[in-house]
Amino acid sequence: MQFGRKSEKLERQIEQLQLRLEATEMIHAEKVAALAPPPENVERVARPAHQPLPADLRREVQTILPKEEACQDCG
């Protein structure tokens, strides 16, 4: 383990190398994804849109009030 300027320089170099590695991995992943053809045997299923609930559906409105109107400790 080094102390002083040399260790700081070494840490910066390590950080730069890690950033380069991440960038290289991202570029590689993008190239692989671009080269891979989409699977042909997978069917695309459209998800149905949300539809409103039926008008004849029974609805209940419940209002829940707190047991007390003010805080017991501070009022």
C-alpha atoms as a PDB file:
ATOM      1  CA  MET A   1       0.000   0.000   0.000  1.00  0.00           C
ATOM      2  CA  GLN A   2       1.395   3.369  -0.932  1.00  0.00           C
ATOM      3  CA  PHE A   3       0.690   6.628   0.806  1.00  0.00           C
ATOM      4  CA  GLY A   4       0.726  10.148  -0.549  1.00  0.00           C
ATOM      5  CA  ARG A   5       0.497  11.368  -4.129  1.00  0.00           C
ATOM      6  CA  LYS A   6       1.383   8.027  -5.664  1.00  0.00           C
ATOM      7  CA  SER A   7      -1.538   6.265  -3.985  1.00  0.00           C
ATOM      8  CA  GLU A   8      -3.942   9.009  -5.084  1.00  0.00           C
ATOM      9  CA  LYS A   9      -2.663   8.704  -8.650  1.00  0.00           C
ATOM     10  CA  LEU A  10      -3.083   4.951  -8.513  1.00  0.00           C
ATOM     11  CA  GLU A  11      -6.668   5.295  -7.262  1.00  0.00           C
ATOM     12  CA  ARG A  12      -7.506   7.692 -10.125  1.00  0.00           C
ATOM     13  CA  GLN A  13      -6.011   5.284 -12.638  1.00  0.00           C
ATOM     14  CA  ILE A  14      -8.075   2.423 -11.231  1.00  0.00           C
ATOM     15  CA  GLU A  15     -11.245   4.520 -11.449  1.00  0.00           C
ATOM     16  CA  GLN A  16     -10.481   5.461 -15.048  1.00  0.00           C
ATOM     17  CA  LEU A  17      -9.857   1.833 -15.969  1.00  0.00           C
ATOM     18  CA  GLN A  18     -13.154   0.805 -14.364  1.00  0.00           C
ATOM     19  CA  LEU A  19     -15.000   3.467 -16.362  1.00  0.00           C
ATOM     20  CA  ARG A  20     -13.359   2.291 -19.579  1.00  0.00           C
ATOM     21  CA  LEU A  21     -14.263  -1.303 -18.783  1.00  0.00           C
ATOM     22  CA  GLU A  22     -17.908  -0.372 -18.180  1.00  0.00           C
ATOM     23  CA  ALA A  23     -18.034   1.601 -21.437  1.00  0.00           C
ATOM     24  CA  THR A  24     -16.483  -1.303 -23.339  1.00  0.00           C
ATOM     25  CA  GLU A  25     -18.968  -3.758 -21.841  1.00  0.00           C
ATOM     26  CA  MET A  26     -21.884  -1.496 -22.804  1.00  0.00           C
ATOM     27  CA  ILE A  27     -20.630  -1.157 -26.383  1.00  0.00           C
ATOM     28  CA  HIS A  28     -20.180  -4.923 -26.617  1.00  0.00           C
ATOM     29  CA  ALA A  29     -23.695  -5.562 -25.280  1.00  0.00           C
ATOM     30  CA  GLU A  30     -25.167  -3.114 -27.803  1.00  0.00           C
ATOM     31  CA  LYS A  31     -23.329  -4.811 -30.671  1.00  0.00           C
ATOM     32  CA  VAL A  32     -24.482  -8.259 -29.559  1.00  0.00           C
ATOM     33  CA  ALA A  33     -28.071  -7.035 -29.259  1.00  0.00           C
ATOM     34  CA  ALA A  34     -27.913  -5.473 -32.731  1.00  0.00           C
ATOM     35  CA  LEU A  35     -26.561  -8.675 -34.292  1.00  0.00           C
ATOM     36  CA  ALA A  36     -29.029 -11.036 -32.651  1.00  0.00           C
ATOM     37  CA  PRO A  37     -32.148 -11.486 -34.793  1.00  0.00           C
ATOM     38  CA  PRO A  38     -35.459 -11.214 -32.984  1.00  0.00           C
ATOM     39  CA  PRO A  39     -36.918 -14.605 -32.073  1.00  0.00           C
ATOM     40  CA  GLU A  40     -39.413 -15.713 -34.701  1.00  0.00           C
ATOM     41  CA  ASN A  41     -41.276 -18.325 -32.693  1.00  0.00           C
ATOM     42  CA  VAL A  42     -42.386 -15.870 -30.006  1.00  0.00           C
ATOM     43  CA  GLU A  43     -45.840 -14.441 -30.550  1.00  0.00           C
ATOM     44  CA  ARG A  44     -46.408 -10.832 -29.718  1.00  0.00           C
ATOM     45  CA  VAL A  45     -49.415 -10.526 -27.455  1.00  0.00           C
ATOM     46  CA  ALA A  46     -51.015  -7.137 -27.129  1.00  0.00           C
ATOM     47  CA  ARG A  47     -52.083  -6.390 -23.617  1.00  0.00           C
ATOM     48  CA  PRO A  48     -55.708  -5.356 -23.353  1.00  0.00           C
ATOM     49  CA  ALA A  49     -56.313  -1.766 -22.348  1.00  0.00           C
ATOM     50  CA  HIS A  50     -57.949  -1.110 -19.016  1.00  0.00           C
ATOM     51  CA  GLN A  51     -61.675  -0.750 -19.385  1.00  0.00           C
ATOM     52  CA  PRO A  52     -63.994   1.032 -16.976  1.00  0.00           C
ATOM     53  CA  LEU A  53     -65.964  -0.998 -14.493  1.00  0.00           C
ATOM     54  CA  PRO A  54     -69.531  -1.898 -15.485  1.00  0.00           C
ATOM     55  CA  ALA A  55     -72.157   0.717 -14.591  1.00  0.00           C
ATOM     56  CA  ASP A  56     -74.386  -1.871 -12.902  1.00  0.00           C
ATOM     57  CA  LEU A  57     -71.669  -2.836 -10.443  1.00  0.00           C
ATOM     58  CA  ARG A  58     -72.718  -2.082  -6.874  1.00  0.00           C
ATOM     59  CA  ARG A  59     -70.537   0.552  -5.225  1.00  0.00           C
ATOM     60  CA  GLU A  60     -70.055   1.358  -1.574  1.00  0.00           C
ATOM     61  CA  VAL A  61     -68.442   4.482  -0.188  1.00  0.00           C
ATOM     62  CA  GLN A  62     -66.766   4.021   3.186  1.00  0.00           C
ATOM     63  CA  THR A  63     -65.427   6.970   5.134  1.00  0.00           C
ATOM     64  CA  ILE A  64     -63.072   6.042   7.948  1.00  0.00           C
ATOM     65  CA  LEU A  65     -62.577   8.770  10.517  1.00  0.00           C
ATOM     66  CA  PRO A  66     -59.832   8.824  13.156  1.00  0.00           C
ATOM     67  CA  LYS A  67     -60.841   7.829  16.661  1.00  0.00           C
ATOM     68  CA  GLU A  68     -59.724  11.165  18.055  1.00  0.00           C
ATOM     69  CA  GLU A  69     -59.605  14.591  16.461  1.00  0.00           C
ATOM     70  CA  ALA A  70     -56.374  15.726  18.090  1.00  0.00           C
ATOM     71  CA  CYS A  71     -53.118  14.187  19.274  1.00  0.00           C
ATOM     72  CA  GLN A  72     -53.289  13.020  22.891  1.00  0.00           C
ATOM     73  CA  ASP A  73     -49.745  14.221  23.631  1.00  0.00           C
ATOM     74  CA  CYS A  74     -49.712  17.712  22.129  1.00  0.00           C
ATOM     75  CA  GLY A  75     -53.414  18.404  21.555  1.00  0.00           C
END
